[in-house]
Amino acid sequence: MVKKIIFNLDEYLMILMLAVSTALIFAQVVMRYIFGYSLSWSEELARYMFVWQTWVSTGYAVKKRRHIRITSFVDMARGANRALAELVVLAVWFAFSVFLGYKSAELCEMLYAQGQTSTAMGLPMWIAYLSVPIGAIIMAYQIVREFFRFLGDFRLNRG
């Protein structure tokens, strides 16, 4: 049970954030048009939650093999060359994810040191930007899993 929760944590987080942001936006619309009063913080929180959903979903998309990718390079190859091309693509994708995670973590560290906060909520901006390194780490982890899954499939098909 715990293993299932951990394995699907990204999916549960996306569902929770979608539900909360939908409720926030709905409440904002009701408050504005029915009561003539708007919440100063709800739009900002919904925006940050949307950003978090986007970055958390990158690893989920890799896990479900639903990530948008350009396959023309891999599609040109045949046989063992196709497998090699796929491995090269996964390696480059992994390297990009690690680079993105590292550089965005540096940005979060800089924002933390500066103490910058958001306008409406006063939320430390490093928390909003932390979605990028966390999403990149989740994506890199899922790429490694995809790499080993591909190797396993390749061995089964060859032997």
Protein backbone atom coordinates (compact mmCIF):
# COMPACT_ATOMS: atom_id res chain seq x y z
CA MET A 1 0.00 0.00 0.00
CA VAL A 2 2.76 2.45 0.97
CA LYS A 3 4.75 1.50 -2.13
CA LYS A 4 1.70 2.20 -4.31
CA ILE A 5 1.22 5.62 -2.70
CA ILE A 6 4.87 6.54 -3.20
CA PHE A 7 4.90 5.26 -6.79
CA ASN A 8 1.78 7.27 -7.62
CA LEU A 9 2.55 10.33 -5.48
CA ASP A 10 2.96 12.55 -8.55
CA GLU A 11 -0.50 11.55 -9.78
CA TYR A 12 -2.09 12.17 -6.37
CA LEU A 13 -0.41 15.58 -6.12
CA MET A 14 -1.62 16.58 -9.58
CA ILE A 15 -5.20 15.55 -8.75
CA LEU A 16 -5.12 17.39 -5.42
CA MET A 17 -3.66 20.56 -6.96
CA LEU A 18 -6.18 20.47 -9.81
CA ALA A 19 -9.08 20.12 -7.37
CA VAL A 20 -7.82 22.90 -5.09
CA SER A 21 -7.03 25.30 -7.93
CA THR A 22 -10.44 24.63 -9.53
CA ALA A 23 -12.16 25.33 -6.21
CA LEU A 24 -10.11 28.50 -5.76
CA ILE A 25 -10.95 29.83 -9.20
CA PHE A 26 -14.62 28.95 -8.73
CA ALA A 27 -14.68 30.71 -5.35
CA GLN A 28 -13.00 33.75 -6.91
CA VAL A 29 -15.64 33.94 -9.66
CA VAL A 30 -18.49 33.58 -7.15
CA MET A 31 -16.97 36.18 -4.83
CA ARG A 32 -16.39 38.67 -7.64
CA TYR A 33 -19.66 38.39 -9.56
CA ILE A 34 -22.14 37.56 -6.81
CA PHE A 35 -20.72 39.38 -3.79
CA GLY A 36 -18.78 42.11 -5.59
CA TYR A 37 -15.67 41.26 -3.58
CA SER A 38 -12.60 39.41 -4.74
CA LEU A 39 -9.98 37.47 -2.84
CA SER A 40 -6.60 39.12 -3.29
CA TRP A 41 -4.59 35.92 -2.99
CA SER A 42 -6.64 33.23 -4.77
CA GLU A 43 -5.57 34.06 -8.31
CA GLU A 44 -1.90 34.08 -7.34
CA LEU A 45 -2.18 30.76 -5.50
CA ALA A 46 -4.04 29.17 -8.43
CA ARG A 47 -1.30 30.40 -10.79
CA TYR A 48 1.48 28.91 -8.67
CA MET A 49 -0.42 25.66 -8.30
CA PHE A 50 -0.78 25.51 -12.09
CA VAL A 51 2.98 25.91 -12.45
CA TRP A 52 3.55 23.13 -9.91
CA GLN A 53 1.06 20.89 -11.76
CA THR A 54 2.91 21.49 -15.01
CA TRP A 55 6.32 20.56 -13.65
CA VAL A 56 5.15 17.57 -11.60
CA SER A 57 3.33 16.25 -14.66
CA THR A 58 6.54 16.05 -16.71
CA GLY A 59 7.69 12.97 -14.81
CA TYR A 60 4.19 11.52 -14.89
CA ALA A 61 4.11 11.92 -18.68
CA VAL A 62 7.42 10.06 -18.98
CA LYS A 63 6.14 7.29 -16.69
CA LYS A 64 3.00 6.83 -18.79
CA ARG A 65 4.92 7.22 -22.08
CA ARG A 66 2.74 10.19 -22.97
CA HIS A 67 5.46 12.80 -23.21
CA ILE A 68 5.57 14.83 -26.39
CA ARG A 69 8.78 14.11 -28.27
CA ILE A 70 10.11 14.44 -31.73
CA THR A 71 10.73 10.92 -32.99
CA SER A 72 11.96 11.62 -36.50
CA PHE A 73 15.58 10.94 -35.49
CA VAL A 74 14.70 7.57 -33.98
CA ASP A 75 12.22 6.71 -36.75
CA MET A 76 14.95 7.00 -39.42
CA ALA A 77 16.94 4.16 -37.83
CA ARG A 78 16.22 0.45 -38.12
CA GLY A 79 17.08 -2.61 -36.04
CA ALA A 80 19.93 -2.26 -33.55
CA ASN A 81 20.59 1.28 -34.79
CA ARG A 82 17.06 2.23 -33.78
CA ALA A 83 17.65 0.90 -30.27
CA LEU A 84 20.94 2.79 -30.09
CA ALA A 85 19.21 5.97 -31.29
CA GLU A 86 16.54 5.54 -28.61
CA LEU A 87 19.21 5.13 -25.93
CA VAL A 88 21.02 8.24 -27.16
CA VAL A 89 17.77 10.20 -27.05
CA LEU A 90 17.09 9.00 -23.49
CA ALA A 91 20.65 9.91 -22.45
CA VAL A 92 20.38 13.42 -23.90
CA TRP A 93 16.96 13.87 -22.33
CA PHE A 94 18.31 12.71 -18.97
CA ALA A 95 21.31 15.07 -19.23
CA PHE A 96 18.96 17.96 -20.01
CA SER A 97 16.77 17.09 -17.02
CA VAL A 98 19.76 17.00 -14.68
CA PHE A 99 21.08 20.29 -16.09
CA LEU A 100 17.65 21.90 -15.74
CA GLY A 101 17.30 20.61 -12.19
CA TYR A 102 20.75 21.87 -11.20
CA LYS A 103 20.38 25.33 -12.73
CA SER A 104 16.86 25.82 -11.39
CA ALA A 105 18.03 24.75 -7.93
CA GLU A 106 20.69 27.47 -8.16
CA LEU A 107 17.93 29.96 -9.00
CA CYS A 108 15.89 28.80 -5.99
CA GLU A 109 18.93 29.21 -3.78
CA MET A 110 19.43 32.77 -5.07
CA LEU A 111 15.75 33.64 -4.49
CA TYR A 112 15.96 32.15 -1.00
CA ALA A 113 19.02 34.28 -0.20
CA GLN A 114 17.31 37.42 -1.52
CA GLY A 115 14.15 36.76 0.47
CA GLN A 116 11.90 37.76 -2.44
CA THR A 117 8.18 37.22 -1.81
CA SER A 118 5.06 37.20 -3.99
CA THR A 119 2.86 40.26 -4.17
CA ALA A 120 -0.53 39.10 -2.87
CA MET A 121 0.29 36.21 -0.54
CA GLY A 122 3.78 37.11 0.61
CA LEU A 123 4.84 33.58 -0.35
CA PRO A 124 8.60 33.16 -0.62
CA MET A 125 9.29 33.04 -4.36
CA TRP A 126 11.75 30.18 -4.00
CA ILE A 127 8.77 27.96 -3.13
CA ALA A 128 7.05 28.80 -6.42
CA TYR A 129 10.27 28.26 -8.37
CA LEU A 130 11.05 25.02 -6.50
CA SER A 131 8.58 23.33 -8.84
CA VAL A 132 11.18 23.36 -11.62
CA PRO A 133 13.98 21.41 -9.88
CA ILE A 134 11.50 19.01 -8.31
CA GLY A 135 9.82 18.41 -11.67
CA ALA A 136 13.21 17.96 -13.34
CA ILE A 137 14.29 15.44 -10.68
CA ILE A 138 11.04 13.48 -11.07
CA MET A 139 11.47 13.55 -14.85
CA ALA A 140 15.12 12.40 -14.62
CA TYR A 141 14.08 9.54 -12.31
CA GLN A 142 11.36 8.46 -14.73
CA ILE A 143 13.79 8.66 -17.67
CA VAL A 144 16.15 6.30 -15.83
CA ARG A 145 13.22 3.93 -15.27
CA GLU A 146 12.32 4.23 -18.97
CA PHE A 147 15.95 3.50 -19.89
CA PHE A 148 15.94 0.23 -17.92
CA ARG A 149 12.46 -0.67 -19.19
CA PHE A 150 13.67 -0.13 -22.76
CA LEU A 151 16.76 -2.26 -22.15
CA GLY A 152 14.59 -5.05 -20.74
CA ASP A 153 12.22 -4.89 -23.71
CA PHE A 154 15.16 -4.83 -26.12
CA ARG A 155 16.72 -7.95 -24.54
CA LEU A 156 13.38 -9.80 -24.64
CA ASN A 157 12.87 -8.98 -28.32
CA ARG A 158 16.41 -9.98 -29.29
CA GLY A 159 16.73 -13.19 -27.35
